[in-house]
Amino acid sequence: MNSQDNQDQDLQRREQELKAREEALRLRELESEINQPPPPLYQTQKQPPPQASKKRWVGKLLKAGQFLGIVVAVIIAVNVAAQLAYVVMIGAIAWIVYQIVVDKKS
């Protein structure tokens, strides 16, 4: 029993020494952080608002105009294509009627 008690006491003593070393190391780290000089401070200035706000609005208006132009062009193209399709269909029907009624070669 005596040897086991000695081992337990030895382990406890080593743990205490280790904790004491860790505490001392942490205290030195904290002291070094406290004693460091503060970072340099720089003189700051408020920046004036950008003069390009009008340019930004002009750019947005140009993009909106381009989009509107594309939409109008697509609508016109669809209408032209529909009317062209009507003309082709009427022409095809007229050709078929002509072949049936007028052009009787038999």
PDB file of N, CA and C in Angstrom:
ATOM      1  N   MET A   1       0.829  -1.199   0.000  1.00  0.00           N
ATOM      2  CA  MET A   1       0.000   0.000   0.000  1.00  0.00           C
ATOM      3  C   MET A   1       0.854   1.235   0.000  1.00  0.00           C
ATOM      4  N   ASN A   2       1.972   1.134   0.637  1.00  0.00           N
ATOM      5  CA  ASN A   2       2.827   2.302   0.783  1.00  0.00           C
ATOM      6  C   ASN A   2       3.366   2.758  -0.568  1.00  0.00           C
ATOM      7  N   SER A   3       3.716   1.816  -1.446  1.00  0.00           N
ATOM      8  CA  SER A   3       4.250   2.179  -2.762  1.00  0.00           C
ATOM      9  C   SER A   3       3.166   2.821  -3.636  1.00  0.00           C
ATOM     10  N   GLN A   4       1.933   2.329  -3.495  1.00  0.00           N
ATOM     11  CA  GLN A   4       0.838   2.920  -4.277  1.00  0.00           C
ATOM     12  C   GLN A   4       0.539   4.332  -3.771  1.00  0.00           C
ATOM     13  N   ASP A   5       0.581   4.557  -2.494  1.00  0.00           N
ATOM     14  CA  ASP A   5       0.386   5.908  -1.943  1.00  0.00           C
ATOM     15  C   ASP A   5       1.486   6.842  -2.433  1.00  0.00           C
ATOM     16  N   ASN A   6       2.703   6.332  -2.480  1.00  0.00           N
ATOM     17  CA  ASN A   6       3.825   7.147  -2.974  1.00  0.00           C
ATOM     18  C   ASN A   6       3.609   7.508  -4.443  1.00  0.00           C
ATOM     19  N   GLN A   7       3.104   6.555  -5.233  1.00  0.00           N
ATOM     20  CA  GLN A   7       2.863   6.831  -6.646  1.00  0.00           C
ATOM     21  C   GLN A   7       1.753   7.870  -6.804  1.00  0.00           C
ATOM     22  N   ASP A   8       0.695   7.737  -6.014  1.00  0.00           N
ATOM     23  CA  ASP A   8      -0.399   8.704  -6.086  1.00  0.00           C
ATOM     24  C   ASP A   8       0.082  10.090  -5.688  1.00  0.00           C
ATOM     25  N   GLN A   9       0.865  10.167  -4.617  1.00  0.00           N
ATOM     26  CA  GLN A   9       1.384  11.466  -4.176  1.00  0.00           C
ATOM     27  C   GLN A   9       2.320  12.054  -5.223  1.00  0.00           C
ATOM     28  N   ASP A  10       3.118  11.177  -5.822  1.00  0.00           N
ATOM     29  CA  ASP A  10       4.053  11.639  -6.859  1.00  0.00           C
ATOM     30  C   ASP A  10       3.274  12.181  -8.064  1.00  0.00           C
ATOM     31  N   LEU A  11       2.211  11.478  -8.467  1.00  0.00           N
ATOM     32  CA  LEU A  11       1.388  11.954  -9.586  1.00  0.00           C
ATOM     33  C   LEU A  11       0.707  13.282  -9.253  1.00  0.00           C
ATOM     34  N   GLN A  12       0.183  13.385  -8.035  1.00  0.00           N
ATOM     35  CA  GLN A  12      -0.460  14.640  -7.633  1.00  0.00           C
ATOM     36  C   GLN A  12       0.545  15.788  -7.611  1.00  0.00           C
ATOM     37  N   ARG A  13       1.752  15.508  -7.096  1.00  0.00           N
ATOM     38  CA  ARG A  13       2.794  16.543  -7.069  1.00  0.00           C
ATOM     39  C   ARG A  13       3.148  16.985  -8.491  1.00  0.00           C
ATOM     40  N   ARG A  14       3.275  16.033  -9.420  1.00  0.00           N
ATOM     41  CA  ARG A  14       3.608  16.357 -10.812  1.00  0.00           C
ATOM     42  C   ARG A  14       2.485  17.163 -11.473  1.00  0.00           C
ATOM     43  N   GLU A  15       1.243  16.772 -11.167  1.00  0.00           N
ATOM     44  CA  GLU A  15       0.119  17.530 -11.720  1.00  0.00           C
ATOM     45  C   GLU A  15       0.126  18.960 -11.212  1.00  0.00           C
ATOM     46  N   GLN A  16       0.397  19.144  -9.937  1.00  0.00           N
ATOM     47  CA  GLN A  16       0.450  20.494  -9.364  1.00  0.00           C
ATOM     48  C   GLN A  16       1.579  21.299  -9.996  1.00  0.00           C
ATOM     49  N   GLU A  17       2.732  20.670 -10.192  1.00  0.00           N
ATOM     50  CA  GLU A  17       3.855  21.371 -10.826  1.00  0.00           C
ATOM     51  C   GLU A  17       3.499  21.779 -12.259  1.00  0.00           C
ATOM     52  N   LEU A  18       2.839  20.858 -12.968  1.00  0.00           N
ATOM     53  CA  LEU A  18       2.447  21.144 -14.346  1.00  0.00           C
ATOM     54  C   LEU A  18       1.440  22.291 -14.402  1.00  0.00           C
ATOM     55  N   LYS A  19       0.464  22.283 -13.492  1.00  0.00           N
ATOM     56  CA  LYS A  19      -0.508  23.376 -13.442  1.00  0.00           C
ATOM     57  C   LYS A  19       0.172  24.702 -13.109  1.00  0.00           C
ATOM     58  N   ALA A  20       1.122  24.643 -12.176  1.00  0.00           N
ATOM     59  CA  ALA A  20       1.840  25.866 -11.798  1.00  0.00           C
ATOM     60  C   ALA A  20       2.632  26.399 -12.998  1.00  0.00           C
ATOM     61  N   ARG A  21       3.274  25.513 -13.756  1.00  0.00           N
ATOM     62  CA  ARG A  21       4.026  25.947 -14.945  1.00  0.00           C
ATOM     63  C   ARG A  21       3.090  26.543 -16.001  1.00  0.00           C
ATOM     64  N   GLU A  22       1.938  25.887 -16.212  1.00  0.00           N
ATOM     65  CA  GLU A  22       0.970  26.402 -17.192  1.00  0.00           C
ATOM     66  C   GLU A  22       0.462  27.775 -16.784  1.00  0.00           C
ATOM     67  N   GLU A  23       0.170  27.952 -15.484  1.00  0.00           N
ATOM     68  CA  GLU A  23      -0.302  29.251 -15.005  1.00  0.00           C
ATOM     69  C   GLU A  23       0.777  30.321 -15.190  1.00  0.00           C
ATOM     70  N   ALA A  24       2.011  29.969 -14.876  1.00  0.00           N
ATOM     71  CA  ALA A  24       3.107  30.931 -15.017  1.00  0.00           C
ATOM     72  C   ALA A  24       3.292  31.303 -16.488  1.00  0.00           C
ATOM     73  N   LEU A  25       3.200  30.316 -17.364  1.00  0.00           N
ATOM     74  CA  LEU A  25       3.342  30.579 -18.794  1.00  0.00           C
ATOM     75  C   LEU A  25       2.211  31.470 -19.298  1.00  0.00           C
ATOM     76  N   ARG A  26       1.002  31.191 -18.867  1.00  0.00           N
ATOM     77  CA  ARG A  26      -0.149  32.012 -19.287  1.00  0.00           C
ATOM     78  C   ARG A  26      -0.018  33.428 -18.756  1.00  0.00           C
ATOM     79  N   LEU A  27       0.473  33.577 -17.496  1.00  0.00           N
ATOM     80  CA  LEU A  27       0.676  34.924 -16.952  1.00  0.00           C
ATOM     81  C   LEU A  27       1.719  35.690 -17.749  1.00  0.00           C
ATOM     82  N   ARG A  28       2.795  35.024 -18.137  1.00  0.00           N
ATOM     83  CA  ARG A  28       3.825  35.702 -18.955  1.00  0.00           C
ATOM     84  C   ARG A  28       3.239  36.128 -20.301  1.00  0.00           C
ATOM     85  N   GLU A  29       2.417  35.247 -20.901  1.00  0.00           N
ATOM     86  CA  GLU A  29       1.783  35.614 -22.184  1.00  0.00           C
ATOM     87  C   GLU A  29       0.880  36.825 -22.021  1.00  0.00           C
ATOM     88  N   LEU A  30       0.081  36.841 -20.954  1.00  0.00           N
ATOM     89  CA  LEU A  30      -0.808  37.980 -20.722  1.00  0.00           C
ATOM     90  C   LEU A  30      -0.020  39.262 -20.488  1.00  0.00           C
ATOM     91  N   GLU A  31       1.055  39.168 -19.716  1.00  0.00           N
ATOM     92  CA  GLU A  31       1.893  40.350 -19.467  1.00  0.00           C
ATOM     93  C   GLU A  31       2.502  40.867 -20.767  1.00  0.00           C
ATOM     94  N   SER A  32       2.948  39.944 -21.622  1.00  0.00           N
ATOM     95  CA  SER A  32       3.552  40.398 -22.886  1.00  0.00           C
ATOM     96  C   SER A  32       2.497  41.048 -23.777  1.00  0.00           C
ATOM     97  N   GLU A  33       1.252  40.547 -23.742  1.00  0.00           N
ATOM     98  CA  GLU A  33       0.184  41.177 -24.515  1.00  0.00           C
ATOM     99  C   GLU A  33      -0.137  42.561 -23.973  1.00  0.00           C
ATOM    100  N   ILE A  34      -0.136  42.682 -22.658  1.00  0.00           N
ATOM    101  CA  ILE A  34      -0.451  43.980 -22.049  1.00  0.00           C
ATOM    102  C   ILE A  34       0.648  44.984 -22.333  1.00  0.00           C
ATOM    103  N   ASN A  35       1.898  44.565 -22.287  1.00  0.00           N
ATOM    104  CA  ASN A  35       3.024  45.481 -22.439  1.00  0.00           C
ATOM    105  C   ASN A  35       3.344  45.836 -23.885  1.00  0.00           C
ATOM    106  N   GLN A  36       2.663  45.202 -24.839  1.00  0.00           N
ATOM    107  CA  GLN A  36       2.919  45.541 -26.242  1.00  0.00           C
ATOM    108  C   GLN A  36       2.419  46.952 -26.517  1.00  0.00           C
ATOM    109  N   PRO A  37       3.139  47.695 -27.350  1.00  0.00           N
ATOM    110  CA  PRO A  37       2.654  49.042 -27.684  1.00  0.00           C
ATOM    111  C   PRO A  37       1.391  48.951 -28.523  1.00  0.00           C
ATOM    112  N   PRO A  38       0.492  49.909 -28.383  1.00  0.00           N
ATOM    113  CA  PRO A  38      -0.751  49.864 -29.164  1.00  0.00           C
ATOM    114  C   PRO A  38      -0.450  50.070 -30.646  1.00  0.00           C
ATOM    115  N   PRO A  39      -1.311  49.563 -31.494  1.00  0.00           N
ATOM    116  CA  PRO A  39      -1.076  49.759 -32.931  1.00  0.00           C
ATOM    117  C   PRO A  39      -1.182  51.244 -33.271  1.00  0.00           C
ATOM    118  N   PRO A  40      -0.473  51.669 -34.295  1.00  0.00           N
ATOM    119  CA  PRO A  40      -0.502  53.096 -34.639  1.00  0.00           C
ATOM    120  C   PRO A  40      -1.881  53.524 -35.127  1.00  0.00           C
ATOM    121  N   LEU A  41      -2.266  54.716 -34.752  1.00  0.00           N
ATOM    122  CA  LEU A  41      -3.538  55.273 -35.182  1.00  0.00           C
ATOM    123  C   LEU A  41      -3.294  56.202 -36.355  1.00  0.00           C
ATOM    124  N   TYR A  42      -4.118  56.126 -37.347  1.00  0.00           N
ATOM    125  CA  TYR A  42      -3.960  56.939 -38.536  1.00  0.00           C
ATOM    126  C   TYR A  42      -5.044  58.003 -38.570  1.00  0.00           C
ATOM    127  N   GLN A  43      -4.694  59.130 -39.122  1.00  0.00           N
ATOM    128  CA  GLN A  43      -5.670  60.207 -39.279  1.00  0.00           C
ATOM    129  C   GLN A  43      -6.648  59.819 -40.379  1.00  0.00           C
ATOM    130  N   THR A  44      -7.908  59.833 -40.048  1.00  0.00           N
ATOM    131  CA  THR A  44      -8.916  59.457 -41.032  1.00  0.00           C
ATOM    132  C   THR A  44      -9.633  60.688 -41.536  1.00  0.00           C
ATOM    133  N   GLN A  45     -10.125  60.596 -42.755  1.00  0.00           N
ATOM    134  CA  GLN A  45     -10.869  61.691 -43.357  1.00  0.00           C
ATOM    135  C   GLN A  45     -12.131  61.127 -43.977  1.00  0.00           C
ATOM    136  N   LYS A  46     -13.188  61.912 -43.880  1.00  0.00           N
ATOM    137  CA  LYS A  46     -14.437  61.491 -44.490  1.00  0.00           C
ATOM    138  C   LYS A  46     -14.337  61.738 -45.992  1.00  0.00           C
ATOM    139  N   GLN A  47     -14.684  60.719 -46.744  1.00  0.00           N
ATOM    140  CA  GLN A  47     -14.611  60.837 -48.191  1.00  0.00           C
ATOM    141  C   GLN A  47     -15.829  61.585 -48.714  1.00  0.00           C
ATOM    142  N   PRO A  48     -15.636  62.475 -49.672  1.00  0.00           N
ATOM    143  CA  PRO A  48     -16.794  63.164 -50.253  1.00  0.00           C
ATOM    144  C   PRO A  48     -17.621  62.179 -51.068  1.00  0.00           C
ATOM    145  N   PRO A  49     -18.908  62.451 -51.193  1.00  0.00           N
ATOM    146  CA  PRO A  49     -19.732  61.531 -51.988  1.00  0.00           C
ATOM    147  C   PRO A  49     -19.259  61.519 -53.437  1.00  0.00           C
ATOM    148  N   PRO A  50     -19.367  60.398 -54.074  1.00  0.00           N
ATOM    149  CA  PRO A  50     -18.868  60.310 -55.452  1.00  0.00           C
ATOM    150  C   PRO A  50     -19.674  61.205 -56.387  1.00  0.00           C
ATOM    151  N   GLN A  51     -18.993  61.784 -57.348  1.00  0.00           N
ATOM    152  CA  GLN A  51     -19.629  62.664 -58.326  1.00  0.00           C
ATOM    153  C   GLN A  51     -20.286  61.856 -59.451  1.00  0.00           C
ATOM    154  N   ALA A  52     -20.094  60.568 -59.432  1.00  0.00           N
ATOM    155  CA  ALA A  52     -20.568  59.726 -60.528  1.00  0.00           C
ATOM    156  C   ALA A  52     -22.009  59.262 -60.330  1.00  0.00           C
ATOM    157  N   SER A  53     -22.742  59.869 -59.392  1.00  0.00           N
ATOM    158  CA  SER A  53     -24.113  59.410 -59.176  1.00  0.00           C
ATOM    159  C   SER A  53     -24.976  59.690 -60.404  1.00  0.00           C
ATOM    160  N   LYS A  54     -24.712  60.814 -61.093  1.00  0.00           N
ATOM    161  CA  LYS A  54     -25.458  61.103 -62.328  1.00  0.00           C
ATOM    162  C   LYS A  54     -25.101  60.087 -63.406  1.00  0.00           C
ATOM    163  N   LYS A  55     -23.836  59.730 -63.473  1.00  0.00           N
ATOM    164  CA  LYS A  55     -23.416  58.738 -64.457  1.00  0.00           C
ATOM    165  C   LYS A  55     -24.088  57.391 -64.186  1.00  0.00           C
ATOM    166  N   ARG A  56     -24.243  57.073 -62.903  1.00  0.00           N
ATOM    167  CA  ARG A  56     -24.881  55.819 -62.555  1.00  0.00           C
ATOM    168  C   ARG A  56     -26.332  55.811 -63.033  1.00  0.00           C
ATOM    169  N   TRP A  57     -27.048  56.944 -62.818  1.00  0.00           N
ATOM    170  CA  TRP A  57     -28.435  57.027 -63.270  1.00  0.00           C
ATOM    171  C   TRP A  57     -28.524  56.968 -64.789  1.00  0.00           C
ATOM    172  N   VAL A  58     -27.582  57.634 -65.448  1.00  0.00           N
ATOM    173  CA  VAL A  58     -27.580  57.602 -66.911  1.00  0.00           C
ATOM    174  C   VAL A  58     -27.349  56.171 -67.398  1.00  0.00           C
ATOM    175  N   GLY A  59     -26.442  55.459 -66.759  1.00  0.00           N
ATOM    176  CA  GLY A  59     -26.187  54.069 -67.133  1.00  0.00           C
ATOM    177  C   GLY A  59     -27.414  53.199 -66.931  1.00  0.00           C
ATOM    178  N   LYS A  60     -28.106  53.414 -65.808  1.00  0.00           N
ATOM    179  CA  LYS A  60     -29.319  52.630 -65.563  1.00  0.00           C
ATOM    180  C   LYS A  60     -30.388  52.955 -66.596  1.00  0.00           C
ATOM    181  N   LEU A  61     -30.522  54.226 -66.941  1.00  0.00           N
ATOM    182  CA  LEU A  61     -31.515  54.607 -67.945  1.00  0.00           C
ATOM    183  C   LEU A  61     -31.179  54.013 -69.305  1.00  0.00           C
ATOM    184  N   LEU A  62     -29.892  54.000 -69.654  1.00  0.00           N
ATOM    185  CA  LEU A  62     -29.487  53.406 -70.931  1.00  0.00           C
ATOM    186  C   LEU A  62     -29.818  51.914 -70.964  1.00  0.00           C
ATOM    187  N   LYS A  63     -29.534  51.223 -69.868  1.00  0.00           N
ATOM    188  CA  LYS A  63     -29.841  49.786 -69.837  1.00  0.00           C
ATOM    189  C   LYS A  63     -31.342  49.543 -69.902  1.00  0.00           C
ATOM    190  N   ALA A  64     -32.131  50.384 -69.222  1.00  0.00           N
ATOM    191  CA  ALA A  64     -33.579  50.242 -69.277  1.00  0.00           C
ATOM    192  C   ALA A  64     -34.079  50.521 -70.692  1.00  0.00           C
ATOM    193  N   GLY A  65     -33.503  51.520 -71.360  1.00  0.00           N
ATOM    194  CA  GLY A  65     -33.877  51.830 -72.739  1.00  0.00           C
ATOM    195  C   GLY A  65     -33.539  50.689 -73.679  1.00  0.00           C
ATOM    196  N   GLN A  66     -32.378  50.089 -73.484  1.00  0.00           N
ATOM    197  CA  GLN A  66     -32.001  48.948 -74.318  1.00  0.00           C
ATOM    198  C   GLN A  66     -32.976  47.788 -74.122  1.00  0.00           C
ATOM    199  N   PHE A  67     -33.318  47.517 -72.885  1.00  0.00           N
ATOM    200  CA  PHE A  67     -34.265  46.440 -72.602  1.00  0.00           C
ATOM    201  C   PHE A  67     -35.610  46.724 -73.253  1.00  0.00           C
ATOM    202  N   LEU A  68     -36.088  47.954 -73.106  1.00  0.00           N
ATOM    203  CA  LEU A  68     -37.369  48.335 -73.705  1.00  0.00           C
ATOM    204  C   LEU A  68     -37.302  48.212 -75.227  1.00  0.00           C
ATOM    205  N   GLY A  69     -36.189  48.625 -75.820  1.00  0.00           N
ATOM    206  CA  GLY A  69     -36.015  48.499 -77.262  1.00  0.00           C
ATOM    207  C   GLY A  69     -36.059  47.047 -77.720  1.00  0.00           C
ATOM    208  N   ILE A  70     -35.419  46.179 -76.970  1.00  0.00           N
ATOM    209  CA  ILE A  70     -35.429  44.759 -77.327  1.00  0.00           C
ATOM    210  C   ILE A  70     -36.839  44.197 -77.221  1.00  0.00           C
ATOM    211  N   VAL A  71     -37.580  44.579 -76.182  1.00  0.00           N
ATOM    212  CA  VAL A  71     -38.953  44.090 -76.018  1.00  0.00           C
ATOM    213  C   VAL A  71     -39.816  44.547 -77.184  1.00  0.00           C
ATOM    214  N   VAL A  72     -39.704  45.820 -77.555  1.00  0.00           N
ATOM    215  CA  VAL A  72     -40.504  46.342 -78.669  1.00  0.00           C
ATOM    216  C   VAL A  72     -40.127  45.631 -79.964  1.00  0.00           C
ATOM    217  N   ALA A  73     -38.824  45.418 -80.196  1.00  0.00           N
ATOM    218  CA  ALA A  73     -38.378  44.729 -81.409  1.00  0.00           C
ATOM    219  C   ALA A  73     -38.923  43.302 -81.465  1.00  0.00           C
ATOM    220  N   VAL A  74     -38.951  42.617 -80.346  1.00  0.00           N
ATOM    221  CA  VAL A  74     -39.480  41.255 -80.323  1.00  0.00           C
ATOM    222  C   VAL A  74     -40.974  41.253 -80.626  1.00  0.00           C
ATOM    223  N   ILE A  75     -41.706  42.197 -80.043  1.00  0.00           N
ATOM    224  CA  ILE A  75     -43.153  42.277 -80.305  1.00  0.00           C
ATOM    225  C   ILE A  75     -43.420  42.545 -81.784  1.00  0.00           C
ATOM    226  N   ILE A  76     -42.658  43.466 -82.361  1.00  0.00           N
ATOM    227  CA  ILE A  76     -42.836  43.773 -83.787  1.00  0.00           C
ATOM    228  C   ILE A  76     -42.487  42.560 -84.635  1.00  0.00           C
ATOM    229  N   ALA A  77     -41.398  41.868 -84.282  1.00  0.00           N
ATOM    230  CA  ALA A  77     -41.000  40.681 -85.050  1.00  0.00           C
ATOM    231  C   ALA A  77     -42.068  39.596 -84.985  1.00  0.00           C
ATOM    232  N   VAL A  78     -42.685  39.414 -83.824  1.00  0.00           N
ATOM    233  CA  VAL A  78     -43.739  38.406 -83.694  1.00  0.00           C
ATOM    234  C   VAL A  78     -44.934  38.790 -84.553  1.00  0.00           C
ATOM    235  N   ASN A  79     -45.309  40.071 -84.540  1.00  0.00           N
ATOM    236  CA  ASN A  79     -46.443  40.512 -85.361  1.00  0.00           C
ATOM    237  C   ASN A  79     -46.161  40.335 -86.851  1.00  0.00           C
ATOM    238  N   VAL A  80     -44.955  40.690 -87.282  1.00  0.00           N
ATOM    239  CA  VAL A  80     -44.600  40.531 -88.694  1.00  0.00           C
ATOM    240  C   VAL A  80     -44.605  39.056 -89.074  1.00  0.00           C
ATOM    241  N   ALA A  81     -44.065  38.204 -88.214  1.00  0.00           N
ATOM    242  CA  ALA A  81     -44.044  36.769 -88.505  1.00  0.00           C
ATOM    243  C   ALA A  81     -45.464  36.209 -88.574  1.00  0.00           C
ATOM    244  N   ALA A  82     -46.348  36.674 -87.703  1.00  0.00           N
ATOM    245  CA  ALA A  82     -47.734  36.193 -87.728  1.00  0.00           C
ATOM    246  C   ALA A  82     -48.417  36.611 -89.021  1.00  0.00           C
ATOM    247  N   GLN A  83     -48.224  37.849 -89.435  1.00  0.00           N
ATOM    248  CA  GLN A  83     -48.858  38.311 -90.672  1.00  0.00           C
ATOM    249  C   GLN A  83     -48.279  37.588 -91.884  1.00  0.00           C
ATOM    250  N   LEU A  84     -46.990  37.349 -91.873  1.00  0.00           N
ATOM    251  CA  LEU A  84     -46.372  36.593 -92.956  1.00  0.00           C
ATOM    252  C   LEU A  84     -46.935  35.170 -92.992  1.00  0.00           C
ATOM    253  N   ALA A  85     -47.143  34.575 -91.838  1.00  0.00           N
ATOM    254  CA  ALA A  85     -47.736  33.239 -91.789  1.00  0.00           C
ATOM    255  C   ALA A  85     -49.151  33.263 -92.350  1.00  0.00           C
ATOM    256  N   TYR A  86     -49.942  34.317 -92.029  1.00  0.00           N
ATOM    257  CA  TYR A  86     -51.291  34.443 -92.593  1.00  0.00           C
ATOM    258  C   TYR A  86     -51.238  34.523 -94.118  1.00  0.00           C
ATOM    259  N   VAL A  87     -50.297  35.321 -94.635  1.00  0.00           N
ATOM    260  CA  VAL A  87     -50.171  35.471 -96.093  1.00  0.00           C
ATOM    261  C   VAL A  87     -49.815  34.136 -96.728  1.00  0.00           C
ATOM    262  N   VAL A  88     -48.895  33.388 -96.118  1.00  0.00           N
ATOM    263  CA  VAL A  88     -48.494  32.089 -96.661  1.00  0.00           C
ATOM    264  C   VAL A  88     -49.676  31.125 -96.625  1.00  0.00           C
ATOM    265  N   MET A  89     -50.426  31.120 -95.514  1.00  0.00           N
ATOM    266  CA  MET A  89     -51.583  30.208 -95.422  1.00  0.00           C
ATOM    267  C   MET A  89     -52.654  30.561 -96.450  1.00  0.00           C
ATOM    268  N   ILE A  90     -52.959  31.857 -96.597  1.00  0.00           N
ATOM    269  CA  ILE A  90     -53.961  32.276 -97.585  1.00  0.00           C
ATOM    270  C   ILE A  90     -53.481  31.934 -98.994  1.00  0.00           C
ATOM    271  N   GLY A  91     -52.198  32.149 -99.257  1.00  0.00           N
ATOM    272  CA  GLY A  91     -51.650  31.786-100.561  1.00  0.00           C
ATOM    273  C   GLY A  91     -51.756  30.290-100.830  1.00  0.00           C
ATOM    274  N   ALA A  92     -51.464  29.478 -99.806  1.00  0.00           N
ATOM    275  CA  ALA A  92     -51.563  28.026 -99.979  1.00  0.00           C
ATOM    276  C   ALA A  92     -53.003  27.596-100.235  1.00  0.00           C
ATOM    277  N   ILE A  93     -53.927  28.190 -99.477  1.00  0.00           N
ATOM    278  CA  ILE A  93     -55.341  27.858 -99.685  1.00  0.00           C
ATOM    279  C   ILE A  93     -55.790  28.300-101.081  1.00  0.00           C
ATOM    280  N   ALA A  94     -55.381  29.505-101.496  1.00  0.00           N
ATOM    281  CA  ALA A  94     -55.750  30.000-102.824  1.00  0.00           C
ATOM    282  C   ALA A  94     -55.170  29.087-103.906  1.00  0.00           C
ATOM    283  N   TRP A  95     -53.959  28.628-103.762  1.00  0.00           N
ATOM    284  CA  TRP A  95     -53.331  27.741-104.745  1.00  0.00           C
ATOM    285  C   TRP A  95     -54.087  26.418-104.830  1.00  0.00           C
ATOM    286  N   ILE A  96     -54.463  25.882-103.650  1.00  0.00           N
ATOM    287  CA  ILE A  96     -55.220  24.624-103.651  1.00  0.00           C
ATOM    288  C   ILE A  96     -56.576  24.809-104.328  1.00  0.00           C
ATOM    289  N   VAL A  97     -57.284  25.914-104.003  1.00  0.00           N
ATOM    290  CA  VAL A  97     -58.581  26.182-104.640  1.00  0.00           C
ATOM    291  C   VAL A  97     -58.394  26.363-106.143  1.00  0.00           C
ATOM    292  N   TYR A  98     -57.387  27.056-106.556  1.00  0.00           N
ATOM    293  CA  TYR A  98     -57.102  27.239-107.975  1.00  0.00           C
ATOM    294  C   TYR A  98     -56.875  25.899-108.650  1.00  0.00           C
ATOM    295  N   GLN A  99     -56.082  25.045-108.013  1.00  0.00           N
ATOM    296  CA  GLN A  99     -55.813  23.732-108.605  1.00  0.00           C
ATOM    297  C   GLN A  99     -57.086  22.894-108.727  1.00  0.00           C
ATOM    298  N   ILE A 100     -57.975  23.013-107.750  1.00  0.00           N
ATOM    299  CA  ILE A 100     -59.192  22.206-107.757  1.00  0.00           C
ATOM    300  C   ILE A 100     -60.227  22.766-108.718  1.00  0.00           C
ATOM    301  N   VAL A 101     -60.457  24.086-108.657  1.00  0.00           N
ATOM    302  CA  VAL A 101     -61.587  24.671-109.393  1.00  0.00           C
ATOM    303  C   VAL A 101     -61.197  25.108-110.796  1.00  0.00           C
ATOM    304  N   VAL A 102     -60.179  25.889-110.928  1.00  0.00           N
ATOM    305  CA  VAL A 102     -59.898  26.541-112.210  1.00  0.00           C
ATOM    306  C   VAL A 102     -59.058  25.665-113.124  1.00  0.00           C
ATOM    307  N   ASP A 103     -58.059  25.051-112.633  1.00  0.00           N
ATOM    308  CA  ASP A 103     -57.105  24.341-113.473  1.00  0.00           C
ATOM    309  C   ASP A 103     -57.538  22.882-113.620  1.00  0.00           C
ATOM    310  N   LYS A 104     -58.619  22.665-114.361  1.00  0.00           N
ATOM    311  CA  LYS A 104     -59.088  21.298-114.582  1.00  0.00           C
ATOM    312  C   LYS A 104     -58.559  20.832-115.939  1.00  0.00           C
ATOM    313  N   LYS A 105     -57.574  20.027-115.899  1.00  0.00           N
ATOM    314  CA  LYS A 105     -57.001  19.515-117.134  1.00  0.00           C
ATOM    315  C   LYS A 105     -57.608  18.177-117.492  1.00  0.00           C
ATOM    316  N   SER A 106     -58.436  17.623-116.669  1.00  0.00           N
ATOM    317  CA  SER A 106     -58.969  16.329-116.977  1.00  0.00           C
ATOM    318  C   SER A 106     -60.323  16.325-117.606  1.00  0.00           C
TER     319      SER A 106
END
